[in-house]
C-alpha atoms as a PDB file:
ATOM      1  CA  MET A   1       0.000   0.000   0.000  1.00  0.00           C
ATOM      2  CA  THR A   2       1.122   3.555  -0.583  1.00  0.00           C
ATOM      3  CA  TYR A   3       0.620   6.475   1.792  1.00  0.00           C
ATOM      4  CA  LYS A   4       0.718  10.232   1.443  1.00  0.00           C
ATOM      5  CA  ARG A   5       1.335  13.281   3.582  1.00  0.00           C
ATOM      6  CA  GLY A   6      -1.638  13.885   5.860  1.00  0.00           C
ATOM      7  CA  ASP A   7      -2.770  10.272   6.154  1.00  0.00           C
ATOM      8  CA  VAL A   8      -3.741   9.195   9.663  1.00  0.00           C
ATOM      9  CA  VAL A   9      -2.664   5.597  10.198  1.00  0.00           C
ATOM     10  CA  LYS A  10      -2.698   3.126  13.073  1.00  0.00           C
ATOM     11  CA  ILE A  11       0.886   2.101  13.867  1.00  0.00           C
ATOM     12  CA  ASN A  12       2.447  -0.324  16.313  1.00  0.00           C
ATOM     13  CA  LEU A  13       5.289   1.709  17.854  1.00  0.00           C
ATOM     14  CA  GLY A  14       6.428  -1.174  20.031  1.00  0.00           C
ATOM     15  CA  ASP A  15       5.991  -2.336  23.576  1.00  0.00           C
ATOM     16  CA  VAL A  16       6.294   0.060  26.517  1.00  0.00           C
ATOM     17  CA  SER A  17       9.230  -2.015  27.809  1.00  0.00           C
ATOM     18  CA  GLU A  18      11.199  -1.118  24.648  1.00  0.00           C
ATOM     19  CA  VAL A  19      11.059   2.686  24.933  1.00  0.00           C
ATOM     20  CA  LYS A  20      13.202   5.093  26.888  1.00  0.00           C
ATOM     21  CA  GLY A  21      12.161   8.311  28.603  1.00  0.00           C
ATOM     22  CA  HIS A  22       9.224  10.059  26.958  1.00  0.00           C
ATOM     23  CA  GLU A  23       9.235   8.107  23.681  1.00  0.00           C
ATOM     24  CA  GLN A  24       5.822   7.060  22.401  1.00  0.00           C
ATOM     25  CA  ALA A  25       4.943   3.356  22.315  1.00  0.00           C
ATOM     26  CA  MET A  26       2.025   0.981  21.783  1.00  0.00           C
ATOM     27  CA  VAL A  27      -0.513   0.939  18.974  1.00  0.00           C
ATOM     28  CA  ARG A  28      -1.646   4.493  18.286  1.00  0.00           C
ATOM     29  CA  PRO A  29      -2.710   6.809  15.503  1.00  0.00           C
ATOM     30  CA  CYS A  30       0.097   8.630  13.747  1.00  0.00           C
ATOM     31  CA  LEU A  31       0.331  11.190  10.979  1.00  0.00           C
ATOM     32  CA  ILE A  32       2.277  10.423   7.816  1.00  0.00           C
ATOM     33  CA  ILE A  33       4.627  13.317   7.050  1.00  0.00           C
ATOM     34  CA  LYS A  34       6.461  11.580   4.209  1.00  0.00           C
ATOM     35  CA  TYR A  35       6.295   8.108   2.734  1.00  0.00           C
ATOM     36  CA  LEU A  36       9.555   6.780   1.309  1.00  0.00           C
ATOM     37  CA  GLU A  37       8.150   4.040  -0.896  1.00  0.00           C
ATOM     38  CA  HIS A  38      11.498   2.831  -2.274  1.00  0.00           C
ATOM     39  CA  HIS A  39      12.801   2.306   1.256  1.00  0.00           C
ATOM     40  CA  ASN A  40       9.488   1.057   2.699  1.00  0.00           C
ATOM     41  CA  LEU A  41       9.729   3.746   5.414  1.00  0.00           C
ATOM     42  CA  ALA A  42       7.338   6.364   6.758  1.00  0.00           C
ATOM     43  CA  VAL A  43       8.232   9.597   8.540  1.00  0.00           C
ATOM     44  CA  ILE A  44       5.528   9.999  11.157  1.00  0.00           C
ATOM     45  CA  ILE A  45       4.293  12.097  14.053  1.00  0.00           C
ATOM     46  CA  PRO A  46       2.485  10.188  16.797  1.00  0.00           C
ATOM     47  CA  PHE A  47      -0.766  11.402  18.294  1.00  0.00           C
ATOM     48  CA  SER A  48      -1.680  11.305  21.971  1.00  0.00           C
ATOM     49  CA  THR A  49      -5.013  11.860  23.671  1.00  0.00           C
ATOM     50  CA  ASN A  50      -3.219  12.820  26.871  1.00  0.00           C
ATOM     51  CA  GLN A  51      -3.094  16.594  27.296  1.00  0.00           C
ATOM     52  CA  ASN A  52      -0.068  17.048  29.532  1.00  0.00           C
ATOM     53  CA  TYR A  53       0.944  20.299  27.935  1.00  0.00           C
ATOM     54  CA  ASN A  54       0.047  23.951  28.275  1.00  0.00           C
ATOM     55  CA  LEU A  55      -0.732  24.476  24.598  1.00  0.00           C
ATOM     56  CA  SER A  56      -0.478  28.247  24.833  1.00  0.00           C
ATOM     57  CA  TYR A  57       3.100  27.977  26.124  1.00  0.00           C
ATOM     58  CA  CYS A  58       4.456  24.840  24.483  1.00  0.00           C
ATOM     59  CA  SER A  59       4.202  25.116  20.702  1.00  0.00           C
ATOM     60  CA  VAL A  60       5.246  21.623  19.578  1.00  0.00           C
ATOM     61  CA  GLU A  61       1.964  19.865  20.431  1.00  0.00           C
ATOM     62  CA  ILE A  62      -0.949  20.665  18.122  1.00  0.00           C
ATOM     63  CA  GLU A  63      -4.542  19.943  19.112  1.00  0.00           C
ATOM     64  CA  ILE A  64      -6.456  18.127  16.366  1.00  0.00           C
ATOM     65  CA  ARG A  65     -10.210  17.704  16.520  1.00  0.00           C
ATOM     66  CA  GLN A  66     -11.948  14.348  16.591  1.00  0.00           C
ATOM     67  CA  GLY A  67     -12.675  12.805  13.192  1.00  0.00           C
ATOM     68  CA  ASN A  68     -10.678  12.016  10.059  1.00  0.00           C
ATOM     69  CA  GLY A  69      -9.389   8.825  11.667  1.00  0.00           C
ATOM     70  CA  LEU A  70      -9.088  10.140  15.238  1.00  0.00           C
ATOM     71  CA  SER A  71     -11.650   8.832  17.729  1.00  0.00           C
ATOM     72  CA  SER A  72     -11.192  11.755  20.152  1.00  0.00           C
ATOM     73  CA  ILE A  73      -9.439  15.100  20.444  1.00  0.00           C
ATOM     74  CA  SER A  74      -5.758  14.308  19.969  1.00  0.00           C
ATOM     75  CA  TYR A  75      -2.434  16.090  20.106  1.00  0.00           C
ATOM     76  CA  ALA A  76       0.136  15.820  17.327  1.00  0.00           C
ATOM     77  CA  LEU A  77       3.464  15.447  19.142  1.00  0.00           C
ATOM     78  CA  CYS A  78       5.663  17.301  16.651  1.00  0.00           C
ATOM     79  CA  HIS A  79       8.747  16.899  18.865  1.00  0.00           C
ATOM     80  CA  GLN A  80       8.370  13.090  18.532  1.00  0.00           C
ATOM     81  CA  ILE A  81       8.922  12.964  14.737  1.00  0.00           C
ATOM     82  CA  ARG A  82      10.466   9.646  13.711  1.00  0.00           C
ATOM     83  CA  THR A  83      10.967   7.250  10.832  1.00  0.00           C
ATOM     84  CA  VAL A  84       9.477   3.767  11.034  1.00  0.00           C
ATOM     85  CA  SER A  85       9.233   0.750   8.783  1.00  0.00           C
ATOM     86  CA  ALA A  86       6.012   0.679   6.776  1.00  0.00           C
ATOM     87  CA  GLU A  87       5.608  -2.836   8.191  1.00  0.00           C
ATOM     88  CA  ARG A  88       4.575  -1.171  11.481  1.00  0.00           C
ATOM     89  CA  ILE A  89       1.548   0.427   9.782  1.00  0.00           C
ATOM     90  CA  MET A  90      -1.553  -1.586  10.596  1.00  0.00           C
ATOM     91  CA  GLN A  91      -4.188   0.369   8.657  1.00  0.00           C
ATOM     92  CA  LYS A  92      -5.135   3.744   7.270  1.00  0.00           C
ATOM     93  CA  LYS A  93      -7.743   5.455   9.455  1.00  0.00           C
ATOM     94  CA  GLY A  94      -8.363   8.717   7.575  1.00  0.00           C
ATOM     95  CA  GLU A  95      -6.608  11.935   6.653  1.00  0.00           C
ATOM     96  CA  LEU A  96      -6.274  15.438   8.045  1.00  0.00           C
ATOM     97  CA  ASN A  97      -7.590  18.446   6.183  1.00  0.00           C
ATOM     98  CA  GLN A  98      -5.244  20.916   4.492  1.00  0.00           C
ATOM     99  CA  LEU A  99      -5.458  23.502   7.286  1.00  0.00           C
ATOM    100  CA  GLU A 100      -4.428  20.949   9.926  1.00  0.00           C
ATOM    101  CA  ILE A 101      -1.554  19.721   7.753  1.00  0.00           C
ATOM    102  CA  GLU A 102      -0.335  23.291   7.213  1.00  0.00           C
ATOM    103  CA  LYS A 103      -0.499  24.020  10.955  1.00  0.00           C
ATOM    104  CA  ILE A 104       1.613  20.943  11.726  1.00  0.00           C
ATOM    105  CA  THR A 105       4.034  21.718   8.872  1.00  0.00           C
ATOM    106  CA  SER A 106       4.541  25.226  10.251  1.00  0.00           C
ATOM    107  CA  VAL A 107       5.335  23.860  13.717  1.00  0.00           C
ATOM    108  CA  LEU A 108       7.715  21.257  12.241  1.00  0.00           C
ATOM    109  CA  LEU A 109       9.599  23.881  10.238  1.00  0.00           C
ATOM    110  CA  ASP A 110       9.986  26.013  13.345  1.00  0.00           C
ATOM    111  CA  PHE A 111      10.974  23.013  15.487  1.00  0.00           C
ATOM    112  CA  LEU A 112      13.617  21.861  12.983  1.00  0.00           C
ATOM    113  CA  ASP A 113      15.058  25.355  12.487  1.00  0.00           C
ATOM    114  CA  THR A 114      18.743  25.192  13.349  1.00  0.00           C
ATOM    115  CA  GLU A 115      19.198  28.853  14.284  1.00  0.00           C
END
């Protein structure tokens, strides 16, 4: 299967015993940022339903409304960007709208700025 930017997919990020610190684990929805078909890899951002952040202060977590593959209000954890094997993808759940994708892209560009 092929994926595109903005797809919301269910991914197995591994068992809790395998992660360190604040890394995300378990089966959870994630956002496809880029799909590298020739390498069978996906660059993803995990979602969380746990609001542990002051969203007005901390700008790397973006609230995304329920729907489009998300069963409840979720938070795109832009600081948790990672590349995973496409074999971890269990199914496509939906896709974000263009405004949500642009909001996340803006945060990613700012987060990855090296200045």
